[in-house]
Protein backbone atom coordinates (compact mmCIF):
# COMPACT_ATOMS: atom_id res chain seq x y z
CA MET A 1 48.81 -30.44 -17.35
CA THR A 2 50.86 -27.23 -17.62
CA LEU A 3 50.96 -23.88 -15.88
CA ARG A 4 49.86 -22.30 -19.15
CA GLU A 5 46.72 -24.43 -19.19
CA LEU A 6 46.02 -23.47 -15.58
CA ARG A 7 46.34 -19.78 -16.49
CA TYR A 8 43.89 -20.26 -19.37
CA LEU A 9 41.51 -22.03 -16.99
CA VAL A 10 41.61 -19.27 -14.38
CA ALA A 11 41.27 -16.54 -17.01
CA LEU A 12 38.15 -18.13 -18.51
CA ALA A 13 36.63 -18.53 -15.04
CA ASP A 14 37.35 -14.86 -14.28
CA TYR A 15 36.11 -13.38 -17.56
CA GLY A 16 33.33 -15.83 -18.41
CA HIS A 17 34.03 -15.22 -22.09
CA PHE A 18 36.45 -17.01 -24.43
CA GLY A 19 37.40 -13.90 -26.37
CA HIS A 20 38.08 -11.79 -23.29
CA ALA A 21 40.03 -14.58 -21.59
CA ALA A 22 42.12 -15.15 -24.71
CA ALA A 23 42.92 -11.44 -24.94
CA ALA A 24 43.98 -11.38 -21.28
CA CYS A 25 46.29 -14.35 -21.91
CA HIS A 26 47.63 -12.83 -25.17
CA VAL A 27 46.61 -15.83 -27.29
CA SER A 28 44.00 -16.42 -29.97
CA GLN A 29 40.55 -17.59 -28.98
CA PRO A 30 40.89 -20.92 -30.88
CA THR A 31 44.17 -21.61 -29.06
CA LEU A 32 42.63 -21.04 -25.64
CA SER A 33 39.52 -23.04 -26.50
CA THR A 34 41.54 -25.97 -27.85
CA GLN A 35 43.87 -26.07 -24.85
CA LEU A 36 41.01 -26.00 -22.37
CA LYS A 37 39.13 -28.75 -24.23
CA LYS A 38 42.29 -30.86 -24.07
CA PHE A 39 42.58 -30.05 -20.37
CA GLU A 40 39.01 -31.24 -19.75
CA ASP A 41 39.63 -34.40 -21.77
CA ASP A 42 42.80 -35.17 -19.80
CA LEU A 43 40.94 -34.80 -16.50
CA GLY A 44 37.87 -36.59 -17.77
CA ILE A 45 35.49 -33.95 -16.38
CA VAL A 46 33.48 -30.98 -17.63
CA LEU A 47 34.78 -27.69 -16.19
CA PHE A 48 32.44 -25.28 -18.01
CA GLU A 49 28.83 -25.44 -19.07
CA ARG A 50 28.60 -23.78 -22.47
CA THR A 51 25.47 -22.32 -24.08
CA ASN A 52 24.93 -19.84 -26.89
CA LYS A 53 24.39 -17.02 -24.38
CA ALA A 54 26.43 -17.87 -21.31
CA LEU A 55 29.38 -19.74 -19.86
CA HIS A 56 29.23 -21.15 -16.34
CA VAL A 57 31.78 -22.96 -14.20
CA THR A 58 30.53 -26.38 -13.07
CA PRO A 59 30.62 -27.29 -9.35
CA ILE A 60 33.70 -29.51 -9.83
CA GLY A 61 35.12 -26.81 -12.09
CA ARG A 62 34.98 -24.28 -9.25
CA LYS A 63 37.05 -26.59 -7.06
CA ILE A 64 39.58 -27.11 -9.86
CA VAL A 65 39.79 -23.34 -10.51
CA ASP A 66 40.39 -22.61 -6.81
CA GLN A 67 43.17 -25.17 -6.69
CA ALA A 68 44.64 -23.80 -9.93
CA ARG A 69 44.81 -20.31 -8.37
CA ARG A 70 46.80 -21.69 -5.44
CA VAL A 71 49.17 -23.56 -7.76
CA LEU A 72 49.75 -20.46 -9.90
CA ALA A 73 50.30 -18.28 -6.84
CA GLU A 74 52.96 -20.63 -5.52
CA ALA A 75 54.61 -20.83 -8.95
CA ASP A 76 54.66 -17.04 -9.21
CA ALA A 77 56.11 -16.83 -5.69
CA LEU A 78 58.98 -19.09 -6.75
CA VAL A 79 59.74 -16.80 -9.68
CA ASP A 80 59.57 -13.71 -7.46
CA LEU A 81 61.95 -15.22 -4.92
CA SER A 82 64.46 -16.18 -7.59
CA ARG A 83 64.37 -12.74 -9.25
CA ASN A 84 64.28 -10.56 -6.17
CA THR A 85 66.46 -12.18 -3.54
CA THR A 86 67.97 -8.86 -2.43
CA ALA A 87 66.05 -5.90 -3.81
CA PRO A 88 62.86 -4.99 -1.92
CA LEU A 89 59.73 -3.95 -3.80
CA ALA A 90 61.12 -4.98 -7.17
CA GLY A 91 59.21 -6.69 -9.95
CA PRO A 92 55.42 -6.86 -10.34
CA LEU A 93 53.01 -6.00 -7.53
CA THR A 94 49.26 -6.03 -8.15
CA LEU A 95 47.55 -3.44 -5.95
CA GLY A 96 43.80 -3.01 -5.57
CA VAL A 97 42.24 0.26 -4.47
CA ILE A 98 38.68 1.37 -3.71
CA PRO A 99 37.17 4.02 -6.05
CA THR A 100 36.65 6.57 -3.27
CA LEU A 101 40.38 6.54 -2.54
CA GLY A 102 42.28 5.82 -5.75
CA PRO A 103 41.81 9.12 -7.63
CA TYR A 104 42.97 11.12 -4.61
CA LEU A 105 45.69 8.89 -3.14
CA LEU A 106 47.44 7.65 -6.27
CA PRO A 107 48.52 11.05 -7.70
CA TRP A 108 50.95 11.51 -4.81
CA LEU A 109 51.66 7.83 -4.08
CA LEU A 110 52.73 6.76 -7.57
CA PRO A 111 55.53 9.37 -8.01
CA LEU A 112 56.74 8.53 -4.50
CA LEU A 113 56.93 4.83 -5.34
CA LYS A 114 58.70 5.52 -8.61
CA ARG A 115 61.37 7.60 -6.87
CA THR A 116 61.87 5.25 -3.94
CA TYR A 117 61.53 1.85 -5.63
CA PRO A 118 62.27 2.36 -9.34
CA ASP A 119 62.34 -1.40 -10.03
CA LEU A 120 58.78 -1.89 -8.80
CA ARG A 121 56.22 -2.62 -11.54
CA LEU A 122 52.88 -1.64 -10.06
CA ILE A 123 49.69 -3.07 -11.58
CA LEU A 124 46.54 -1.29 -10.37
CA HIS A 125 43.00 -2.63 -10.01
CA GLU A 126 40.14 -0.36 -8.91
CA ASP A 127 37.03 -2.05 -7.53
CA LEU A 128 34.58 -2.12 -4.63
CA THR A 129 35.69 -3.48 -1.27
CA ASP A 130 34.03 -6.90 -1.43
CA ALA A 131 35.36 -7.55 -4.94
CA LEU A 132 38.88 -6.55 -3.89
CA LEU A 133 38.77 -8.83 -0.86
CA ASP A 134 37.66 -11.70 -3.07
CA SER A 135 40.49 -10.90 -5.48
CA VAL A 136 43.04 -10.95 -2.67
CA ARG A 137 41.77 -14.30 -1.38
CA SER A 138 41.71 -15.85 -4.87
CA HIS A 139 45.25 -14.62 -5.72
CA ARG A 140 44.07 -12.28 -8.48
CA ILE A 141 45.79 -9.37 -6.73
CA ASP A 142 48.55 -9.22 -4.13
CA THR A 143 47.20 -6.55 -1.81
CA ALA A 144 44.53 -3.86 -1.57
CA LEU A 145 44.04 -0.39 -0.13
CA ILE A 146 40.64 -0.33 1.55
CA ALA A 147 38.78 1.08 4.54
CA LEU A 148 39.29 -0.98 7.72
CA PRO A 149 38.27 -3.06 9.57
CA THR A 150 38.08 -5.98 7.19
CA ALA A 151 37.80 -9.75 7.17
CA PRO A 152 39.74 -11.54 9.94
CA ASP A 153 41.15 -14.14 7.55
CA LEU A 154 43.38 -11.49 5.93
CA ALA A 155 46.40 -9.65 7.30
CA ALA A 156 45.78 -5.92 7.70
CA CYS A 157 48.11 -2.98 8.28
CA PRO A 158 46.52 0.38 9.24
CA LEU A 159 47.95 3.36 7.35
CA PHE A 160 46.06 6.55 8.12
CA ASP A 161 42.82 8.05 9.38
CA GLU A 162 40.94 10.21 6.88
CA PRO A 163 38.39 12.67 8.35
CA PHE A 164 34.95 13.22 6.82
CA PHE A 165 33.70 16.68 5.81
CA PHE A 166 30.16 17.92 5.33
CA ALA A 167 29.57 19.28 1.81
CA CYS A 168 26.56 21.47 1.00
CA PRO A 169 25.46 24.24 -1.38
CA HIS A 170 26.62 27.75 -0.43
CA ASP A 171 23.07 28.79 0.43
CA HIS A 172 22.53 25.88 2.85
CA PRO A 173 22.08 26.95 6.52
CA LEU A 174 25.01 24.79 7.67
CA ALA A 175 27.32 26.54 5.21
CA ARG A 176 27.40 29.46 7.68
CA THR A 177 28.60 27.33 10.61
CA ASP A 178 32.21 26.69 11.65
CA THR A 179 31.60 22.99 12.35
CA VAL A 180 28.69 20.61 11.83
CA GLN A 181 27.25 18.98 14.95
CA ASP A 182 25.89 15.43 15.28
CA ALA A 183 22.35 16.72 15.74
CA ASP A 184 22.63 18.67 12.48
CA LEU A 185 23.68 15.54 10.59
CA HIS A 186 20.79 13.40 11.83
CA SER A 187 18.24 15.61 10.11
CA GLN A 188 19.99 15.84 6.73
CA GLN A 189 18.89 14.15 3.50
CA LEU A 190 22.15 12.74 2.24
CA LEU A 191 23.19 12.17 -1.34
CA LEU A 192 24.97 8.80 -1.26
CA LEU A 193 26.89 6.37 -3.40
CA THR A 194 25.23 3.24 -4.75
CA ASP A 195 25.10 0.01 -2.75
CA GLY A 196 28.43 -1.78 -2.48
CA HIS A 197 30.52 1.30 -1.73
CA CYS A 198 31.83 1.12 1.83
CA LEU A 199 31.67 4.92 1.99
CA ARG A 200 27.89 4.74 1.64
CA ASP A 201 27.58 2.65 4.81
CA GLN A 202 30.08 4.84 6.66
CA ALA A 203 28.18 8.01 5.77
CA LEU A 204 24.89 6.52 6.94
CA ALA A 205 26.51 5.45 10.22
CA VAL A 206 27.96 8.92 10.82
CA CYS A 207 24.56 10.51 10.29
CA GLY A 208 22.66 7.94 12.33
CA GLN A 209 20.58 6.79 9.36
CA ARG A 210 19.73 3.32 8.07
CA GLU A 211 18.41 4.12 4.62
CA THR A 212 19.02 6.79 2.02
CA ALA A 213 16.83 9.79 2.74
CA LEU A 214 14.46 10.77 -0.03
CA SER A 215 14.23 14.28 -1.36
CA GLU A 216 10.97 16.21 -1.11
CA ASP A 217 9.83 14.99 -4.51
CA GLY A 218 10.48 11.37 -3.54
CA ALA A 219 13.63 10.92 -5.66
CA ASP A 220 16.32 8.61 -4.31
CA PHE A 221 19.69 9.87 -5.54
CA ARG A 222 22.50 7.32 -5.64
CA ALA A 223 25.72 8.17 -7.43
CA THR A 224 28.33 5.78 -8.80
CA SER A 225 31.32 7.99 -7.97
CA LEU A 226 32.44 10.73 -5.59
CA GLU A 227 32.86 13.07 -8.53
CA THR A 228 29.17 12.65 -9.38
CA LEU A 229 28.26 13.41 -5.77
CA ARG A 230 30.38 16.55 -5.87
CA GLN A 231 28.65 17.77 -9.02
CA MET A 232 25.23 17.07 -7.53
CA VAL A 233 26.06 19.09 -4.41
CA ALA A 234 27.45 21.93 -6.54
CA ALA A 235 24.19 21.92 -8.52
CA GLY A 236 22.22 22.41 -5.32
CA MET A 237 20.65 18.94 -5.34
CA GLY A 238 21.53 18.09 -1.74
CA VAL A 239 24.30 17.50 0.80
CA THR A 240 26.79 14.70 1.38
CA LEU A 241 29.87 13.61 3.31
CA LEU A 242 33.26 13.60 1.60
CA PRO A 243 36.58 12.10 2.75
CA ALA A 244 39.38 14.60 3.32
CA LEU A 245 41.59 13.67 0.37
CA SER A 246 38.75 14.18 -2.10
CA VAL A 247 38.08 17.62 -0.61
CA ALA A 248 41.71 18.71 -0.71
CA CYS A 249 42.34 17.78 -4.33
CA THR A 250 40.01 20.33 -5.94
CA ALA A 251 39.96 24.10 -5.72
CA ASN A 252 36.90 26.25 -6.49
CA GLN A 253 34.65 23.25 -6.03
CA GLY A 254 31.40 25.22 -6.15
CA PHE A 255 30.05 24.24 -2.74
CA ALA A 256 30.80 24.75 0.94
CA VAL A 257 32.79 22.25 3.02
CA ARG A 258 32.65 22.16 6.81
CA PRO A 259 34.44 19.87 9.30
CA LEU A 260 32.48 17.59 11.58
CA ALA A 261 32.51 18.54 15.25
CA ASN A 262 33.00 14.93 16.29
CA GLY A 263 36.01 14.50 13.96
CA THR A 264 34.69 11.23 12.54
CA SER A 265 37.08 9.57 10.09
CA ARG A 266 37.64 6.35 8.22
CA ARG A 267 40.78 4.23 8.65
CA ILE A 268 42.60 3.23 5.48
CA GLY A 269 44.91 0.23 5.42
CA LEU A 270 46.60 -2.45 3.35
CA VAL A 271 45.28 -6.02 3.37
CA TRP A 272 46.84 -9.21 2.01
CA ARG A 273 46.76 -12.98 2.39
CA ARG A 274 48.41 -14.18 5.57
CA ALA A 275 50.47 -16.68 3.55
CA TYR A 276 51.60 -14.08 1.01
CA PRO A 277 55.32 -14.85 0.47
CA LYS A 278 56.48 -11.22 0.25
CA SER A 279 54.70 -9.71 3.22
CA GLY A 280 57.93 -7.91 4.13
CA ASP A 281 57.62 -5.88 0.93
CA LEU A 282 54.07 -4.88 1.86
CA GLU A 283 55.23 -3.75 5.28
CA LEU A 284 57.84 -1.59 3.51
CA LEU A 285 55.11 -0.17 1.30
CA ALA A 286 52.99 0.60 4.36
CA ALA A 287 55.91 2.33 6.07
CA LEU A 288 56.59 4.42 2.97
CA ILE A 289 52.96 5.59 2.81
CA ARG A 290 52.79 6.40 6.51
CA GLY A 291 56.02 8.37 6.30
CA ALA A 292 54.86 10.66 3.47
CA LEU A 293 51.22 11.39 4.21
CA PRO A 294 49.58 14.63 3.04
CA PRO A 295 48.51 17.02 5.82
CA GLU A 296 44.81 16.23 5.39
CA VAL A 297 45.18 12.78 7.01
CA GLU A 298 46.87 11.42 10.12
CA ALA A 299 49.02 8.29 10.43
CA ALA A 300 47.23 5.41 12.12
């Protein structure tokens, strides 16, 4: 049993496809397949159920994969400690970020990191909150930028509070107000993101709604990105709530934006495994972000 075989095993479990796993491991598909067959033979168990259409991890295989992740994480931690005994935030760091934050946070964060920690090699993963949390727990990524609060089994460091804004077509009655009141929000038919986006649940909570409101013709609009929502509002298809950074990044957006009277916001923070060996580096990263925030948000 070798670390290379464990990496092949984890990759195949993650991708569910021999070709994709081999590409991720930078080896040929026959090489990966042969090594994993040898691995199964050595253990005397079947790790994957193979059919012509699908590949599934067996129940014992899931336990082996989970243990392999822990072994690989500890091995990687040893390498990190040996390479970076003095320099902070040097070497690889895998950072997850939610889609409603990444396009608006990263354009100012990445140059800042490059100037401050030039030896840092940042690897980015964009995904929904639940998937990022699972990736943190399973050692696929080191840390993630998400909306708090989060699961109690993970360490969390608050970074900043990001206010919500009401976005509507220019001819909407609320476009003529200075601020939008709670009572105004409760009667609105919101355009929302699809299920799985934490921003969807936050917007419903702000507006006191449980389900997506239907338009007059019965259509239920659910977008897969904030940019789609913005275009829908600009086209006069409805109203929505947008986080401050997404509002600030675009000029001439084609719709009206008004602050909420109650100042409701979402809290953004970093999360990581409590046993992560370089938690000091993540605290440095958090301090760097909090010390250079754009004016649209406030440090937590």
